[in-house]
Structures are given as structure tokens and as C-alpha cells.
PDB file of N, CA and C in Angstrom:
ATOM      1  N   UNK A   1      57.833  91.402 115.190  1.00  0.00           N
ATOM      2  CA  UNK A   1      58.840  91.353 114.149  1.00  0.00           C
ATOM      3  C   UNK A   1      59.282  92.786 113.827  1.00  0.00           C
ATOM      4  N   UNK A   2      60.602  92.966 113.657  1.00  0.00           N
ATOM      5  CA  UNK A   2      61.172  94.268 113.318  1.00  0.00           C
ATOM      6  C   UNK A   2      61.491  94.302 111.832  1.00  0.00           C
ATOM      7  N   UNK A   3      61.424  95.497 111.262  1.00  0.00           N
ATOM      8  CA  UNK A   3      61.770  95.659 109.848  1.00  0.00           C
ATOM      9  C   UNK A   3      63.270  95.806 109.637  1.00  0.00           C
ATOM     10  N   UNK A   4      63.949  96.380 110.616  1.00  0.00           N
ATOM     11  CA  UNK A   4      65.383  96.650 110.489  1.00  0.00           C
ATOM     12  C   UNK A   4      66.131  95.771 111.487  1.00  0.00           C
ATOM     13  N   UNK A   5      67.097  94.983 111.016  1.00  0.00           N
ATOM     14  CA  UNK A   5      67.853  94.130 111.944  1.00  0.00           C
ATOM     15  C   UNK A   5      68.697  94.962 112.908  1.00  0.00           C
ATOM     16  N   UNK A   6      68.894  94.445 114.093  1.00  0.00           N
ATOM     17  CA  UNK A   6      69.747  95.079 115.082  1.00  0.00           C
ATOM     18  C   UNK A   6      71.212  94.921 114.657  1.00  0.00           C
ATOM     19  N   UNK A   7      72.102  95.770 115.166  1.00  0.00           N
ATOM     20  CA  UNK A   7      73.518  95.608 114.832  1.00  0.00           C
ATOM     21  C   UNK A   7      74.044  94.205 115.156  1.00  0.00           C
ATOM     22  N   UNK A   8      73.557  93.609 116.225  1.00  0.00           N
ATOM     23  CA  UNK A   8      73.979  92.259 116.609  1.00  0.00           C
ATOM     24  C   UNK A   8      73.561  91.212 115.578  1.00  0.00           C
ATOM     25  N   UNK A   9      72.599  91.542 114.756  1.00  0.00           N
ATOM     26  CA  UNK A   9      72.082  90.617 113.740  1.00  0.00           C
ATOM     27  C   UNK A   9      72.611  90.932 112.345  1.00  0.00           C
ATOM     28  N   UNK A  10      73.563  91.864 112.252  1.00  0.00           N
ATOM     29  CA  UNK A  10      74.002  92.373 110.957  1.00  0.00           C
ATOM     30  C   UNK A  10      75.505  92.221 110.753  1.00  0.00           C
ATOM     31  N   UNK A  11      75.876  92.272 109.487  1.00  0.00           N
ATOM     32  CA  UNK A  11      77.274  92.371 109.083  1.00  0.00           C
ATOM     33  C   UNK A  11      77.428  93.613 108.218  1.00  0.00           C
ATOM     34  N   UNK A  12      78.612  94.205 108.256  1.00  0.00           N
ATOM     35  CA  UNK A  12      78.924  95.355 107.420  1.00  0.00           C
ATOM     36  C   UNK A  12      79.999  94.904 106.433  1.00  0.00           C
ATOM     37  N   UNK A  13      79.742  95.106 105.160  1.00  0.00           N
ATOM     38  CA  UNK A  13      80.695  94.746 104.115  1.00  0.00           C
ATOM     39  C   UNK A  13      81.412  96.021 103.689  1.00  0.00           C
ATOM     40  N   UNK A  14      82.732  96.027 103.837  1.00  0.00           N
ATOM     41  CA  UNK A  14      83.535  97.202 103.529  1.00  0.00           C
ATOM     42  C   UNK A  14      84.437  96.867 102.354  1.00  0.00           C
ATOM     43  N   UNK A  15      84.207  97.529 101.242  1.00  0.00           N
ATOM     44  CA  UNK A  15      85.054  97.335 100.069  1.00  0.00           C
ATOM     45  C   UNK A  15      86.152  98.387 100.098  1.00  0.00           C
ATOM     46  N   UNK A  16      87.372  97.924 100.016  1.00  0.00           N
ATOM     47  CA  UNK A  16      88.531  98.813 100.093  1.00  0.00           C
ATOM     48  C   UNK A  16      88.996  99.133  98.679  1.00  0.00           C
ATOM     49  N   UNK A  17      88.870 100.385  98.286  1.00  0.00           N
ATOM     50  CA  UNK A  17      89.262 100.772  96.932  1.00  0.00           C
ATOM     51  C   UNK A  17      90.777 100.769  96.769  1.00  0.00           C
ATOM     52  N   UNK A  18      91.513 100.890  97.882  1.00  0.00           N
ATOM     53  CA  UNK A  18      92.973 100.893  97.834  1.00  0.00           C
ATOM     54  C   UNK A  18      93.491  99.959  98.929  1.00  0.00           C
ATOM     55  N   UNK A  19      93.200  98.674  98.782  1.00  0.00           N
ATOM     56  CA  UNK A  19      93.533  97.693  99.809  1.00  0.00           C
ATOM     57  C   UNK A  19      95.037  97.589 100.043  1.00  0.00           C
ATOM     58  N   UNK A  20      95.846  97.858  99.030  1.00  0.00           N
ATOM     59  CA  UNK A  20      97.295  97.767  99.188  1.00  0.00           C
ATOM     60  C   UNK A  20      97.818  98.827 100.158  1.00  0.00           C
ATOM     61  N   UNK A  21      97.135  99.944 100.227  1.00  0.00           N
ATOM     62  CA  UNK A  21      97.559 101.045 101.089  1.00  0.00           C
ATOM     63  C   UNK A  21      97.247 100.775 102.566  1.00  0.00           C
ATOM     64  N   UNK A  22      96.262  99.956 102.822  1.00  0.00           N
ATOM     65  CA  UNK A  22      95.863  99.650 104.193  1.00  0.00           C
ATOM     66  C   UNK A  22      96.514  98.351 104.660  1.00  0.00           C
ATOM     67  N   UNK A  23      96.714  98.256 105.947  1.00  0.00           N
ATOM     68  CA  UNK A  23      97.281  97.058 106.550  1.00  0.00           C
ATOM     69  C   UNK A  23      96.119  96.132 106.937  1.00  0.00           C
ATOM     70  N   UNK A  24      95.672  95.325 105.985  1.00  0.00           N
ATOM     71  CA  UNK A  24      94.500  94.480 106.199  1.00  0.00           C
ATOM     72  C   UNK A  24      94.717  93.482 107.342  1.00  0.00           C
ATOM     73  N   UNK A  25      95.864  92.819 107.453  1.00  0.00           N
ATOM     74  CA  UNK A  25      96.049  91.914 108.603  1.00  0.00           C
ATOM     75  C   UNK A  25      95.900  92.634 109.950  1.00  0.00           C
ATOM     76  N   UNK A  26      96.376  93.875 110.025  1.00  0.00           N
ATOM     77  CA  UNK A  26      96.217  94.666 111.248  1.00  0.00           C
ATOM     78  C   UNK A  26      94.732  94.916 111.531  1.00  0.00           C
ATOM     79  N   UNK A  27      93.992  95.301 110.497  1.00  0.00           N
ATOM     80  CA  UNK A  27      92.560  95.551 110.683  1.00  0.00           C
ATOM     81  C   UNK A  27      91.845  94.298 111.175  1.00  0.00           C
ATOM     82  N   UNK A  28      92.175  93.164 110.588  1.00  0.00           N
ATOM     83  CA  UNK A  28      91.546  91.905 111.002  1.00  0.00           C
ATOM     84  C   UNK A  28      91.887  91.556 112.451  1.00  0.00           C
ATOM     85  N   UNK A  29      93.120  91.844 112.846  1.00  0.00           N
ATOM     86  CA  UNK A  29      93.524  91.561 114.223  1.00  0.00           C
ATOM     87  C   UNK A  29      92.832  92.493 115.214  1.00  0.00           C
ATOM     88  N   UNK A  30      92.584  93.722 114.807  1.00  0.00           N
ATOM     89  CA  UNK A  30      91.992  94.709 115.709  1.00  0.00           C
ATOM     90  C   UNK A  30      90.470  94.588 115.818  1.00  0.00           C
ATOM     91  N   UNK A  31      89.821  94.106 114.775  1.00  0.00           N
ATOM     92  CA  UNK A  31      88.356  94.050 114.760  1.00  0.00           C
ATOM     93  C   UNK A  31      87.922  92.601 114.998  1.00  0.00           C
ATOM     94  N   UNK A  32      87.418  92.347 116.186  1.00  0.00           N
ATOM     95  CA  UNK A  32      86.985  90.994 116.547  1.00  0.00           C
ATOM     96  C   UNK A  32      85.951  90.451 115.564  1.00  0.00           C
ATOM     97  N   UNK A  33      86.110  89.190 115.223  1.00  0.00           N
ATOM     98  CA  UNK A  33      85.167  88.447 114.370  1.00  0.00           C
ATOM     99  C   UNK A  33      85.066  88.992 112.950  1.00  0.00           C
ATOM    100  N   UNK A  34      86.058  89.761 112.501  1.00  0.00           N
ATOM    101  CA  UNK A  34      86.053  90.245 111.121  1.00  0.00           C
ATOM    102  C   UNK A  34      86.755  89.216 110.234  1.00  0.00           C
ATOM    103  N   UNK A  35      86.479  89.289 108.939  1.00  0.00           N
ATOM    104  CA  UNK A  35      87.131  88.388 108.000  1.00  0.00           C
ATOM    105  C   UNK A  35      87.167  89.015 106.618  1.00  0.00           C
ATOM    106  N   UNK A  36      88.017  88.456 105.761  1.00  0.00           N
ATOM    107  CA  UNK A  36      88.150  88.922 104.384  1.00  0.00           C
ATOM    108  C   UNK A  36      87.302  87.993 103.513  1.00  0.00           C
ATOM    109  N   UNK A  37      86.417  88.575 102.725  1.00  0.00           N
ATOM    110  CA  UNK A  37      85.618  87.756 101.811  1.00  0.00           C
ATOM    111  C   UNK A  37      86.193  87.767 100.397  1.00  0.00           C
ATOM    112  N   UNK A  38      86.947  88.807 100.079  1.00  0.00           N
ATOM    113  CA  UNK A  38      87.678  88.958  98.817  1.00  0.00           C
ATOM    114  C   UNK A  38      88.928  89.753  99.140  1.00  0.00           C
ATOM    115  N   UNK A  39      89.899  89.801  98.247  1.00  0.00           N
ATOM    116  CA  UNK A  39      91.134  90.548  98.559  1.00  0.00           C
ATOM    117  C   UNK A  39      90.897  92.022  98.892  1.00  0.00           C
ATOM    118  N   UNK A  40      89.815  92.596  98.399  1.00  0.00           N
ATOM    119  CA  UNK A  40      89.544  94.009  98.646  1.00  0.00           C
ATOM    120  C   UNK A  40      88.292  94.238  99.489  1.00  0.00           C
ATOM    121  N   UNK A  41      87.860  93.211 100.228  1.00  0.00           N
ATOM    122  CA  UNK A  41      86.616  93.321 100.994  1.00  0.00           C
ATOM    123  C   UNK A  41      86.779  92.726 102.392  1.00  0.00           C
ATOM    124  N   UNK A  42      86.416  93.521 103.391  1.00  0.00           N
ATOM    125  CA  UNK A  42      86.421  93.075 104.781  1.00  0.00           C
ATOM    126  C   UNK A  42      84.974  93.046 105.259  1.00  0.00           C
ATOM    127  N   UNK A  43      84.638  92.021 106.015  1.00  0.00           N
ATOM    128  CA  UNK A  43      83.308  91.906 106.607  1.00  0.00           C
ATOM    129  C   UNK A  43      83.467  91.995 108.121  1.00  0.00           C
ATOM    130  N   UNK A  44      82.704  92.901 108.729  1.00  0.00           N
ATOM    131  CA  UNK A  44      82.780  93.095 110.179  1.00  0.00           C
ATOM    132  C   UNK A  44      81.376  92.970 110.775  1.00  0.00           C
ATOM    133  N   UNK A  45      81.288  92.531 112.018  1.00  0.00           N
ATOM    134  CA  UNK A  45      79.979  92.497 112.679  1.00  0.00           C
ATOM    135  C   UNK A  45      79.406  93.911 112.781  1.00  0.00           C
ATOM    136  N   UNK A  46      78.108  94.014 112.714  1.00  0.00           N
ATOM    137  CA  UNK A  46      77.443  95.310 112.775  1.00  0.00           C
ATOM    138  C   UNK A  46      77.782  96.093 114.028  1.00  0.00           C
ATOM    139  N   UNK A  47      78.049  95.400 115.124  1.00  0.00           N
ATOM    140  CA  UNK A  47      78.380  96.073 116.377  1.00  0.00           C
ATOM    141  C   UNK A  47      79.768  96.707 116.337  1.00  0.00           C
ATOM    142  N   UNK A  48      80.588  96.345 115.366  1.00  0.00           N
ATOM    143  CA  UNK A  48      81.956  96.870 115.266  1.00  0.00           C
ATOM    144  C   UNK A  48      82.110  97.875 114.126  1.00  0.00           C
ATOM    145  N   UNK A  49      81.012  98.294 113.517  1.00  0.00           N
ATOM    146  CA  UNK A  49      81.072  99.198 112.372  1.00  0.00           C
ATOM    147  C   UNK A  49      81.769 100.514 112.715  1.00  0.00           C
ATOM    148  N   UNK A  50      81.402 101.136 113.803  1.00  0.00           N
ATOM    149  CA  UNK A  50      81.990 102.428 114.162  1.00  0.00           C
ATOM    150  C   UNK A  50      83.499 102.305 114.375  1.00  0.00           C
ATOM    151  N   UNK A  51      83.918 101.262 115.059  1.00  0.00           N
ATOM    152  CA  UNK A  51      85.335 101.051 115.308  1.00  0.00           C
ATOM    153  C   UNK A  51      86.083 100.783 113.995  1.00  0.00           C
ATOM    154  N   UNK A  52      85.501  99.996 113.115  1.00  0.00           N
ATOM    155  CA  UNK A  52      86.122  99.722 111.813  1.00  0.00           C
ATOM    156  C   UNK A  52      86.282 101.012 111.005  1.00  0.00           C
ATOM    157  N   UNK A  53      85.263 101.845 111.017  1.00  0.00           N
ATOM    158  CA  UNK A  53      85.349 103.116 110.300  1.00  0.00           C
ATOM    159  C   UNK A  53      86.447 103.988 110.888  1.00  0.00           C
ATOM    160  N   UNK A  54      86.560 103.994 112.198  1.00  0.00           N
ATOM    161  CA  UNK A  54      87.594 104.784 112.854  1.00  0.00           C
ATOM    162  C   UNK A  54      88.982 104.292 112.439  1.00  0.00           C
ATOM    163  N   UNK A  55      89.198 102.993 112.460  1.00  0.00           N
ATOM    164  CA  UNK A  55      90.501 102.442 112.097  1.00  0.00           C
ATOM    165  C   UNK A  55      90.869 102.716 110.639  1.00  0.00           C
ATOM    166  N   UNK A  56      89.886 102.649 109.759  1.00  0.00           N
ATOM    167  CA  UNK A  56      90.146 102.818 108.325  1.00  0.00           C
ATOM    168  C   UNK A  56      90.244 104.293 107.945  1.00  0.00           C
ATOM    169  N   UNK A  57      89.352 105.114 108.472  1.00  0.00           N
ATOM    170  CA  UNK A  57      89.270 106.503 108.013  1.00  0.00           C
ATOM    171  C   UNK A  57      90.224 107.466 108.714  1.00  0.00           C
ATOM    172  N   UNK A  58      90.594 107.222 109.955  1.00  0.00           N
ATOM    173  CA  UNK A  58      91.454 108.161 110.678  1.00  0.00           C
ATOM    174  C   UNK A  58      92.777 108.418 109.957  1.00  0.00           C
ATOM    175  N   UNK A  59      93.506 107.390 109.512  1.00  0.00           N
ATOM    176  CA  UNK A  59      94.752 107.673 108.782  1.00  0.00           C
ATOM    177  C   UNK A  59      94.512 108.449 107.478  1.00  0.00           C
ATOM    178  N   UNK A  60      93.413 108.167 106.812  1.00  0.00           N
ATOM    179  CA  UNK A  60      93.105 108.880 105.570  1.00  0.00           C
ATOM    180  C   UNK A  60      92.829 110.358 105.845  1.00  0.00           C
ATOM    181  N   UNK A  61      92.101 110.636 106.900  1.00  0.00           N
ATOM    182  CA  UNK A  61      91.788 112.018 107.261  1.00  0.00           C
ATOM    183  C   UNK A  61      93.061 112.749 107.664  1.00  0.00           C
ATOM    184  N   UNK A  62      93.926 112.084 108.416  1.00  0.00           N
ATOM    185  CA  UNK A  62      95.208 112.704 108.796  1.00  0.00           C
ATOM    186  C   UNK A  62      96.034 113.055 107.561  1.00  0.00           C
ATOM    187  N   UNK A  63      96.075 112.148 106.579  1.00  0.00           N
ATOM    188  CA  UNK A  63      96.813 112.420 105.337  1.00  0.00           C
ATOM    189  C   UNK A  63      96.249 113.638 104.615  1.00  0.00           C
ATOM    190  N   UNK A  64      94.922 113.747 104.550  1.00  0.00           N
ATOM    191  CA  UNK A  64      94.290 114.895 103.902  1.00  0.00           C
ATOM    192  C   UNK A  64      94.626 116.200 104.615  1.00  0.00           C
ATOM    193  N   UNK A  65      94.603 116.183 105.932  1.00  0.00           N
ATOM    194  CA  UNK A  65      94.924 117.377 106.714  1.00  0.00           C
ATOM    195  C   UNK A  65      96.382 117.760 106.495  1.00  0.00           C
ATOM    196  N   UNK A  66      97.283 116.773 106.516  1.00  0.00           N
ATOM    197  CA  UNK A  66      98.711 117.059 106.279  1.00  0.00           C
ATOM    198  C   UNK A  66      98.938 117.650 104.899  1.00  0.00           C
ATOM    199  N   UNK A  67      98.295 117.086 103.884  1.00  0.00           N
ATOM    200  CA  UNK A  67      98.425 117.613 102.524  1.00  0.00           C
ATOM    201  C   UNK A  67      97.903 119.043 102.435  1.00  0.00           C
ATOM    202  N   UNK A  68      96.794 119.314 103.102  1.00  0.00           N
ATOM    203  CA  UNK A  68      96.225 120.649 103.102  1.00  0.00           C
ATOM    204  C   UNK A  68      97.177 121.650 103.764  1.00  0.00           C
ATOM    205  N   UNK A  69      97.775 121.254 104.854  1.00  0.00           N
ATOM    206  CA  UNK A  69      98.723 122.135 105.552  1.00  0.00           C
ATOM    207  C   UNK A  69      99.958 122.406 104.690  1.00  0.00           C
ATOM    208  N   UNK A  70     100.437 121.377 104.003  1.00  0.00           N
ATOM    209  CA  UNK A  70     101.605 121.550 103.121  1.00  0.00           C
ATOM    210  C   UNK A  70     101.287 122.484 101.964  1.00  0.00           C
ATOM    211  N   UNK A  71     100.083 122.387 101.437  1.00  0.00           N
ATOM    212  CA  UNK A  71      99.680 123.231 100.309  1.00  0.00           C
ATOM    213  C   UNK A  71      99.592 124.697 100.726  1.00  0.00           C
ATOM    214  N   UNK A  72      99.229 124.959 101.967  1.00  0.00           N
ATOM    215  CA  UNK A  72      99.111 126.337 102.459  1.00  0.00           C
ATOM    216  C   UNK A  72     100.476 126.965 102.731  1.00  0.00           C
ATOM    217  N   UNK A  73     101.495 126.141 102.992  1.00  0.00           N
ATOM    218  CA  UNK A  73     102.828 126.677 103.332  1.00  0.00           C
ATOM    219  C   UNK A  73     103.572 127.194 102.141  1.00  0.00           C
TER     220      UNK A  73
END
């Protein structure tokens, strides 16, 4: 018996603090076997956690970098 479940045995619950800003239908289409449990919550299989983080965080990081560049100009 293992103490920590494998990614295949897990789900990741992602609460979106700004769900209106994200394209939730797009995220659901891109992440296999994901679903919405509440209007601001997406559930993804543990094996898809890294991909989900990439899809959600990459646009946010790009926005931060763009804002930083604009502030320096």
C-alpha cells in the first residue's frame, strides 16, 4: 500500500479566481477528461495537471511581462 496516490489515481481541483477572463470551454476542450464542478472550478485528471497549468498560466505570465515592458518604456 502507498501513502501517496499516483497521478493516475488523482484529480486536481483548480479554482479560477477570475473565471470570466479565461476561456473555460476552450480549457475543457483542450484538457481530456476535465470537467467543471462549479462556475469557477475545473477538475482535471492528475496526469494532466502540468498541461492544465501551462494552458492557464502562460497567458497570465505573458500579460505580466508585457505590462512590465510597458512600464519600463
